[in-house]
Amino acid sequence: MDASQAYILISILILLVIAILFFIVRKNRRQQRLTPLAGIAFGFVVAGIVFGGSRIIGYSLIGIGVLLSIIDMVRKLK
């Protein structure tokens, strides 16, 4: 496994953990709309996938998206 495959695997695992946490937290709440910060995070992840040809740009955008989604989750918990 080379470095790019490891980065992809780590990104997918982080997204899975965030999705699992998101579903666990939302279990007891009624349906809510997507927050602006979560929408921006989703946009960054999609942009990272689209611009994945350039590794530095693609992984940076995905990392920013993951970071923003974690920040959004922490803000929702408070």
Protein backbone atom coordinates (compact mmCIF):
# COMPACT_ATOMS: atom_id res chain seq x y z
CA MET A 1 0.00 0.00 0.00
CA ASP A 2 1.55 3.27 -1.05
CA ALA A 3 1.08 6.65 0.61
CA SER A 4 -1.86 7.82 -1.51
CA GLN A 5 -3.86 4.68 -0.74
CA ALA A 6 -3.12 5.12 2.95
CA TYR A 7 -4.39 8.73 2.84
CA ILE A 8 -7.56 7.65 1.07
CA LEU A 9 -8.14 4.86 3.59
CA ILE A 10 -7.61 7.24 6.52
CA SER A 11 -9.99 9.80 5.00
CA ILE A 12 -12.68 7.19 4.45
CA LEU A 13 -12.29 5.87 7.99
CA ILE A 14 -12.56 9.37 9.44
CA LEU A 15 -15.69 10.05 7.40
CA LEU A 16 -17.20 6.77 8.60
CA VAL A 17 -16.48 7.63 12.23
CA ILE A 18 -18.05 11.06 11.77
CA ALA A 19 -21.11 9.55 10.09
CA ILE A 20 -21.54 7.00 12.90
CA LEU A 21 -21.19 9.70 15.56
CA PHE A 22 -23.61 11.90 13.66
CA PHE A 23 -26.25 9.16 13.55
CA ILE A 24 -25.77 8.30 17.23
CA VAL A 25 -26.16 11.94 18.27
CA ARG A 26 -29.20 12.47 16.04
CA LYS A 27 -30.99 9.36 17.29
CA ASN A 28 -32.94 11.15 20.00
CA ARG A 29 -33.64 14.33 18.06
CA ARG A 30 -36.26 15.08 15.49
CA GLN A 31 -35.23 15.66 11.87
CA GLN A 32 -33.07 18.77 11.46
CA ARG A 33 -31.85 20.60 8.42
CA LEU A 34 -28.21 20.75 7.42
CA THR A 35 -26.36 23.57 9.16
CA PRO A 36 -24.44 26.07 7.05
CA LEU A 37 -21.13 24.85 8.48
CA ALA A 38 -21.98 21.24 7.65
CA GLY A 39 -22.95 22.31 4.13
CA ILE A 40 -19.61 24.04 3.67
CA ALA A 41 -17.82 20.97 5.04
CA PHE A 42 -19.68 18.75 2.59
CA GLY A 43 -18.72 21.12 -0.23
CA PHE A 44 -15.06 20.92 0.71
CA VAL A 45 -15.13 17.11 0.77
CA VAL A 46 -16.82 16.99 -2.64
CA ALA A 47 -14.34 19.54 -4.01
CA GLY A 48 -11.49 17.40 -2.64
CA ILE A 49 -12.86 14.40 -4.49
CA VAL A 50 -13.32 16.38 -7.70
CA PHE A 51 -9.84 17.89 -7.53
CA GLY A 52 -8.28 14.61 -6.40
CA GLY A 53 -5.95 14.58 -9.40
CA SER A 54 -3.68 16.98 -7.58
CA ARG A 55 -2.99 15.13 -4.34
CA ILE A 56 -2.01 18.13 -2.24
CA ILE A 57 -5.10 20.12 -3.19
CA GLY A 58 -7.47 17.16 -3.03
CA TYR A 59 -6.36 15.88 0.36
CA SER A 60 -6.18 19.39 1.77
CA LEU A 61 -9.77 20.09 0.75
CA ILE A 62 -10.98 16.79 2.18
CA GLY A 63 -9.08 17.47 5.41
CA ILE A 64 -10.64 20.93 5.71
CA GLY A 65 -14.07 19.42 5.15
CA VAL A 66 -13.53 16.78 7.83
CA LEU A 67 -12.23 19.39 10.26
CA LEU A 68 -15.24 21.65 9.65
CA SER A 69 -17.63 18.75 10.15
CA ILE A 70 -15.98 17.88 13.48
CA ILE A 71 -16.24 21.52 14.56
CA ASP A 72 -19.91 21.51 13.58
CA MET A 73 -20.55 18.34 15.59
CA VAL A 74 -18.83 19.77 18.67
CA ARG A 75 -20.85 22.99 18.39
CA LYS A 76 -24.09 20.99 18.14
CA LEU A 77 -23.27 18.99 21.26
CA LYS A 78 -22.97 22.15 23.38
